[in-house]
Amino acid sequence: MTEREAFVLTRDVDVITIPDGVPSTLKKGETVVIHQSLGNNYTVVTEYGHMVRIDGKDADALGKEAHELHTLVSDTSPEAVEKNCWEVMKTVYDPEIPVNIVDLGLVYSCKVTPVGEHLNDVHIRMTLTAPGCGMGPVIQGDVERGIRALPGVDHVTVEIVLDPPWSREMMSEVAQLQLGLY
């Protein structure tokens, strides 16, 4: 969902600059315009024309509430954990592209291995749209944090691989339609 709404920040807020992924801070009283609010984050444009990402946990600085994911199951079996992992990854977006990383074709695999009663290790193999993507560590961190918070998850590894390289053909039909490529 794309919004073009201006907001005055109600407090200082930590941000990530786009596309280089460098942390920064916006000050209380600064005006930002929401470029997109997808998943649990906001991509905003500052009054100086810079594009930055505000984490969903800081939605209150925009006068918004954090998004919640209601499609998760509480079961901790490997199958349920894998389903939850995919649901979480569908809420992660490259802040410059209004399509989630699963539909973009960035996630190559999700392997869930039981390691104890009601505990599982999760290994994600994913790529980036470009090898030098400055937002790569940010996206990787979003995936790791989201999965680590799931019930039944003991350890999470998110491996970035560049082979095979990502290409437009890896996108789902839904993603291609969203981006006007299909």
C-alpha atoms as a PDB file:
ATOM      1  CA  MET A   1       0.000   0.000   0.000  1.00  0.00           C
ATOM      2  CA  THR A   2       1.513   3.335  -1.026  1.00  0.00           C
ATOM      3  CA  GLU A   3       0.738   6.482   0.961  1.00  0.00           C
ATOM      4  CA  ARG A   4       1.842  10.068   0.296  1.00  0.00           C
ATOM      5  CA  GLU A   5       1.112  11.620   3.647  1.00  0.00           C
ATOM      6  CA  ALA A   6       3.229  14.171   5.519  1.00  0.00           C
ATOM      7  CA  PHE A   7       3.963  13.741   9.226  1.00  0.00           C
ATOM      8  CA  VAL A   8       5.827  15.774  11.806  1.00  0.00           C
ATOM      9  CA  LEU A   9       7.982  13.518  13.971  1.00  0.00           C
ATOM     10  CA  THR A  10       6.849  13.489  17.597  1.00  0.00           C
ATOM     11  CA  ARG A  11      10.283  12.437  18.896  1.00  0.00           C
ATOM     12  CA  ASP A  12      13.825  11.753  17.705  1.00  0.00           C
ATOM     13  CA  VAL A  13      13.932   8.523  15.738  1.00  0.00           C
ATOM     14  CA  ASP A  14      16.718   6.257  14.495  1.00  0.00           C
ATOM     15  CA  VAL A  15      16.579   5.627  10.745  1.00  0.00           C
ATOM     16  CA  ILE A  16      18.490   3.793   8.042  1.00  0.00           C
ATOM     17  CA  THR A  17      19.414   5.826   4.960  1.00  0.00           C
ATOM     18  CA  ILE A  18      18.439   4.389   1.593  1.00  0.00           C
ATOM     19  CA  PRO A  19      20.100   3.017  -0.506  1.00  0.00           C
ATOM     20  CA  ASP A  20      23.388   2.889   1.416  1.00  0.00           C
ATOM     21  CA  GLY A  21      22.066   1.411   4.692  1.00  0.00           C
ATOM     22  CA  VAL A  22      23.834   3.874   6.988  1.00  0.00           C
ATOM     23  CA  PRO A  23      22.224   4.531  10.412  1.00  0.00           C
ATOM     24  CA  SER A  24      21.199   8.102  11.162  1.00  0.00           C
ATOM     25  CA  THR A  25      18.739  10.024  13.341  1.00  0.00           C
ATOM     26  CA  LEU A  26      15.877  12.339  12.463  1.00  0.00           C
ATOM     27  CA  LYS A  27      14.984  14.951  15.042  1.00  0.00           C
ATOM     28  CA  LYS A  28      11.653  15.668  16.690  1.00  0.00           C
ATOM     29  CA  GLY A  29       9.719  18.255  14.676  1.00  0.00           C
ATOM     30  CA  GLU A  30      11.154  17.257  11.280  1.00  0.00           C
ATOM     31  CA  THR A  31       8.589  16.688   8.533  1.00  0.00           C
ATOM     32  CA  VAL A  32       8.641  13.468   6.532  1.00  0.00           C
ATOM     33  CA  VAL A  33       6.426  12.144   3.767  1.00  0.00           C
ATOM     34  CA  ILE A  34       5.566   8.450   3.792  1.00  0.00           C
ATOM     35  CA  HIS A  35       6.665   6.913   0.504  1.00  0.00           C
ATOM     36  CA  GLN A  36       5.508   3.409   1.415  1.00  0.00           C
ATOM     37  CA  SER A  37       4.377   1.561   4.522  1.00  0.00           C
ATOM     38  CA  LEU A  38       4.788  -2.120   3.832  1.00  0.00           C
ATOM     39  CA  GLY A  39       5.524  -4.957   6.167  1.00  0.00           C
ATOM     40  CA  ASN A  40       6.480  -3.504   9.494  1.00  0.00           C
ATOM     41  CA  ASN A  41       8.530  -0.531   8.281  1.00  0.00           C
ATOM     42  CA  TYR A  42       8.054   2.884   6.738  1.00  0.00           C
ATOM     43  CA  THR A  43      10.021   4.329   3.845  1.00  0.00           C
ATOM     44  CA  VAL A  44       9.876   8.102   4.165  1.00  0.00           C
ATOM     45  CA  VAL A  45      11.318  11.099   2.348  1.00  0.00           C
ATOM     46  CA  THR A  46      12.720  13.838   4.569  1.00  0.00           C
ATOM     47  CA  GLU A  47      12.167  17.547   4.054  1.00  0.00           C
ATOM     48  CA  TYR A  48      15.684  17.603   2.543  1.00  0.00           C
ATOM     49  CA  GLY A  49      14.795  14.967  -0.066  1.00  0.00           C
ATOM     50  CA  HIS A  50      16.589  12.025   1.552  1.00  0.00           C
ATOM     51  CA  MET A  51      14.926   8.621   1.585  1.00  0.00           C
ATOM     52  CA  VAL A  52      15.160   6.752   4.891  1.00  0.00           C
ATOM     53  CA  ARG A  53      13.576   3.762   6.578  1.00  0.00           C
ATOM     54  CA  ILE A  54      11.833   3.982   9.932  1.00  0.00           C
ATOM     55  CA  ASP A  55      11.475   0.668  11.763  1.00  0.00           C
ATOM     56  CA  GLY A  56       7.949  -0.388  12.706  1.00  0.00           C
ATOM     57  CA  LYS A  57       8.885  -0.315  16.414  1.00  0.00           C
ATOM     58  CA  ASP A  58       9.236   3.466  15.949  1.00  0.00           C
ATOM     59  CA  ALA A  59       5.836   3.910  14.272  1.00  0.00           C
ATOM     60  CA  ASP A  60       4.710   6.033  17.224  1.00  0.00           C
ATOM     61  CA  ALA A  61       7.121   8.787  16.094  1.00  0.00           C
ATOM     62  CA  LEU A  62       4.861   9.097  13.039  1.00  0.00           C
ATOM     63  CA  GLY A  63       1.694   8.882  15.109  1.00  0.00           C
ATOM     64  CA  LYS A  64       1.104   5.342  13.835  1.00  0.00           C
ATOM     65  CA  GLU A  65       0.760   1.970  15.534  1.00  0.00           C
ATOM     66  CA  ALA A  66       3.086  -0.950  14.844  1.00  0.00           C
ATOM     67  CA  HIS A  67       1.699  -3.568  12.464  1.00  0.00           C
ATOM     68  CA  GLU A  68       0.979  -7.002  13.894  1.00  0.00           C
ATOM     69  CA  LEU A  69       1.101 -10.324  12.074  1.00  0.00           C
ATOM     70  CA  HIS A  70      -2.085 -12.318  12.727  1.00  0.00           C
ATOM     71  CA  THR A  71      -1.460 -15.314  10.446  1.00  0.00           C
ATOM     72  CA  LEU A  72       1.042 -17.152  12.650  1.00  0.00           C
ATOM     73  CA  VAL A  73       0.339 -20.465  14.356  1.00  0.00           C
ATOM     74  CA  SER A  74       1.465 -21.282  17.918  1.00  0.00           C
ATOM     75  CA  ASP A  75       2.501 -24.871  17.141  1.00  0.00           C
ATOM     76  CA  THR A  76       6.264 -25.471  17.428  1.00  0.00           C
ATOM     77  CA  SER A  77       6.562 -28.468  15.102  1.00  0.00           C
ATOM     78  CA  PRO A  78       9.160 -28.038  12.324  1.00  0.00           C
ATOM     79  CA  GLU A  79       6.353 -27.801   9.737  1.00  0.00           C
ATOM     80  CA  ALA A  80       4.543 -25.060  11.692  1.00  0.00           C
ATOM     81  CA  VAL A  81       7.784 -23.161  12.313  1.00  0.00           C
ATOM     82  CA  GLU A  82       8.590 -23.290   8.593  1.00  0.00           C
ATOM     83  CA  LYS A  83       5.115 -21.974   7.732  1.00  0.00           C
ATOM     84  CA  ASN A  84       5.594 -19.140  10.234  1.00  0.00           C
ATOM     85  CA  CYS A  85       9.051 -18.356   8.807  1.00  0.00           C
ATOM     86  CA  TRP A  86       7.588 -17.908   5.323  1.00  0.00           C
ATOM     87  CA  GLU A  87       4.812 -15.712   6.733  1.00  0.00           C
ATOM     88  CA  VAL A  88       7.358 -13.510   8.512  1.00  0.00           C
ATOM     89  CA  MET A  89       9.551 -13.242   5.403  1.00  0.00           C
ATOM     90  CA  LYS A  90       6.509 -12.089   3.412  1.00  0.00           C
ATOM     91  CA  THR A  91       6.448  -9.026   5.697  1.00  0.00           C
ATOM     92  CA  VAL A  92      10.036  -8.030   4.834  1.00  0.00           C
ATOM     93  CA  TYR A  93      10.476  -5.521   2.029  1.00  0.00           C
ATOM     94  CA  ASP A  94      13.351  -3.899   0.244  1.00  0.00           C
ATOM     95  CA  PRO A  95      12.504  -0.282   1.154  1.00  0.00           C
ATOM     96  CA  GLU A  96      12.873   0.820  -2.466  1.00  0.00           C
ATOM     97  CA  ILE A  97      10.668  -1.894  -3.981  1.00  0.00           C
ATOM     98  CA  PRO A  98       7.001  -2.327  -2.989  1.00  0.00           C
ATOM     99  CA  VAL A  99       7.169  -6.150  -3.130  1.00  0.00           C
ATOM    100  CA  ASN A 100       8.067  -8.524  -0.290  1.00  0.00           C
ATOM    101  CA  ILE A 101      11.334 -10.477  -0.486  1.00  0.00           C
ATOM    102  CA  VAL A 102       9.551 -13.828  -0.991  1.00  0.00           C
ATOM    103  CA  ASP A 103       7.613 -12.633  -4.054  1.00  0.00           C
ATOM    104  CA  LEU A 104      10.747 -10.858  -5.302  1.00  0.00           C
ATOM    105  CA  GLY A 105      12.377 -14.302  -5.387  1.00  0.00           C
ATOM    106  CA  LEU A 106      15.133 -13.349  -2.953  1.00  0.00           C
ATOM    107  CA  VAL A 107      14.537 -16.292  -0.597  1.00  0.00           C
ATOM    108  CA  TYR A 108      16.008 -19.515  -1.956  1.00  0.00           C
ATOM    109  CA  SER A 109      15.291 -21.855   0.949  1.00  0.00           C
ATOM    110  CA  CYS A 110      14.069 -22.192   4.507  1.00  0.00           C
ATOM    111  CA  LYS A 111      15.305 -25.257   6.372  1.00  0.00           C
ATOM    112  CA  VAL A 112      13.966 -26.045   9.838  1.00  0.00           C
ATOM    113  CA  THR A 113      15.796 -28.634  11.957  1.00  0.00           C
ATOM    114  CA  PRO A 114      14.464 -29.894  15.308  1.00  0.00           C
ATOM    115  CA  VAL A 115      17.094 -29.555  18.074  1.00  0.00           C
ATOM    116  CA  GLY A 116      15.059 -30.389  21.155  1.00  0.00           C
ATOM    117  CA  GLU A 117      11.545 -30.648  22.439  1.00  0.00           C
ATOM    118  CA  HIS A 118       9.626 -27.710  20.938  1.00  0.00           C
ATOM    119  CA  LEU A 119      12.857 -26.104  19.665  1.00  0.00           C
ATOM    120  CA  ASN A 120      14.146 -25.748  16.116  1.00  0.00           C
ATOM    121  CA  ASP A 121      17.068 -24.222  14.295  1.00  0.00           C
ATOM    122  CA  VAL A 122      16.230 -22.257  11.142  1.00  0.00           C
ATOM    123  CA  HIS A 123      18.572 -21.747   8.210  1.00  0.00           C
ATOM    124  CA  ILE A 124      17.549 -19.281   5.500  1.00  0.00           C
ATOM    125  CA  ARG A 125      19.376 -18.984   2.180  1.00  0.00           C
ATOM    126  CA  MET A 126      18.616 -15.771   0.357  1.00  0.00           C
ATOM    127  CA  THR A 127      20.114 -13.342  -2.096  1.00  0.00           C
ATOM    128  CA  LEU A 128      19.921  -9.631  -2.877  1.00  0.00           C
ATOM    129  CA  THR A 129      18.774  -7.802  -5.996  1.00  0.00           C
ATOM    130  CA  ALA A 130      22.355  -6.606  -6.467  1.00  0.00           C
ATOM    131  CA  PRO A 131      25.619  -7.838  -4.898  1.00  0.00           C
ATOM    132  CA  GLY A 132      26.555  -4.437  -3.435  1.00  0.00           C
ATOM    133  CA  CYS A 133      23.083  -3.628  -2.075  1.00  0.00           C
ATOM    134  CA  GLY A 134      23.614  -1.284   0.868  1.00  0.00           C
ATOM    135  CA  MET A 135      20.322  -2.390   2.383  1.00  0.00           C
ATOM    136  CA  GLY A 136      21.389  -6.068   2.314  1.00  0.00           C
ATOM    137  CA  PRO A 137      22.467  -6.225   5.975  1.00  0.00           C
ATOM    138  CA  VAL A 138      19.296  -4.383   6.994  1.00  0.00           C
ATOM    139  CA  ILE A 139      17.049  -6.819   5.114  1.00  0.00           C
ATOM    140  CA  GLN A 140      19.058  -9.760   6.479  1.00  0.00           C
ATOM    141  CA  GLY A 141      18.618  -8.378  10.002  1.00  0.00           C
ATOM    142  CA  ASP A 142      14.858  -7.928   9.489  1.00  0.00           C
ATOM    143  CA  VAL A 143      14.553 -11.593   8.485  1.00  0.00           C
ATOM    144  CA  GLU A 144      16.682 -12.789  11.388  1.00  0.00           C
ATOM    145  CA  ARG A 145      14.856 -10.721  14.036  1.00  0.00           C
ATOM    146  CA  GLY A 146      11.421 -11.681  12.727  1.00  0.00           C
ATOM    147  CA  ILE A 147      12.188 -15.399  12.704  1.00  0.00           C
ATOM    148  CA  ARG A 148      14.030 -15.362  16.035  1.00  0.00           C
ATOM    149  CA  ALA A 149      10.856 -13.988  17.662  1.00  0.00           C
ATOM    150  CA  LEU A 150       8.750 -16.961  16.512  1.00  0.00           C
ATOM    151  CA  PRO A 151       7.627 -19.674  18.936  1.00  0.00           C
ATOM    152  CA  GLY A 152       9.767 -22.812  18.758  1.00  0.00           C
ATOM    153  CA  VAL A 153      12.841 -21.131  17.262  1.00  0.00           C
ATOM    154  CA  ASP A 154      16.157 -21.672  19.064  1.00  0.00           C
ATOM    155  CA  HIS A 155      18.735 -20.406  16.561  1.00  0.00           C
ATOM    156  CA  VAL A 156      18.497 -18.546  13.235  1.00  0.00           C
ATOM    157  CA  THR A 157      21.060 -18.308  10.452  1.00  0.00           C
ATOM    158  CA  VAL A 158      20.326 -16.053   7.481  1.00  0.00           C
ATOM    159  CA  GLU A 159      22.900 -16.768   4.792  1.00  0.00           C
ATOM    160  CA  ILE A 160      23.301 -14.308   1.930  1.00  0.00           C
ATOM    161  CA  VAL A 161      24.359 -16.100  -1.246  1.00  0.00           C
ATOM    162  CA  LEU A 162      25.066 -14.494  -4.603  1.00  0.00           C
ATOM    163  CA  ASP A 163      25.023 -17.681  -6.673  1.00  0.00           C
ATOM    164  CA  PRO A 164      22.768 -18.073  -8.445  1.00  0.00           C
ATOM    165  CA  PRO A 165      22.493 -14.324  -8.966  1.00  0.00           C
ATOM    166  CA  TRP A 166      19.036 -12.812  -8.638  1.00  0.00           C
ATOM    167  CA  SER A 167      17.214 -11.965 -11.846  1.00  0.00           C
ATOM    168  CA  ARG A 168      13.820 -10.520 -12.661  1.00  0.00           C
ATOM    169  CA  GLU A 169      12.614 -13.954 -13.769  1.00  0.00           C
ATOM    170  CA  MET A 170      12.791 -15.135 -10.133  1.00  0.00           C
ATOM    171  CA  MET A 171       9.884 -12.856  -9.177  1.00  0.00           C
ATOM    172  CA  SER A 172       6.427 -14.340  -8.723  1.00  0.00           C
ATOM    173  CA  GLU A 173       3.720 -13.404 -11.215  1.00  0.00           C
ATOM    174  CA  VAL A 174       2.126 -11.319  -8.453  1.00  0.00           C
ATOM    175  CA  ALA A 175       5.360  -9.338  -8.030  1.00  0.00           C
ATOM    176  CA  GLN A 176       5.736  -8.832 -11.762  1.00  0.00           C
ATOM    177  CA  LEU A 177       2.149  -7.569 -11.950  1.00  0.00           C
ATOM    178  CA  GLN A 178       2.708  -5.220  -8.979  1.00  0.00           C
ATOM    179  CA  LEU A 179       5.749  -3.737 -10.688  1.00  0.00           C
ATOM    180  CA  GLY A 180       4.109  -3.578 -14.132  1.00  0.00           C
ATOM    181  CA  LEU A 181       6.529  -6.108 -15.649  1.00  0.00           C
ATOM    182  CA  TYR A 182       4.038  -8.845 -16.570  1.00  0.00           C
END
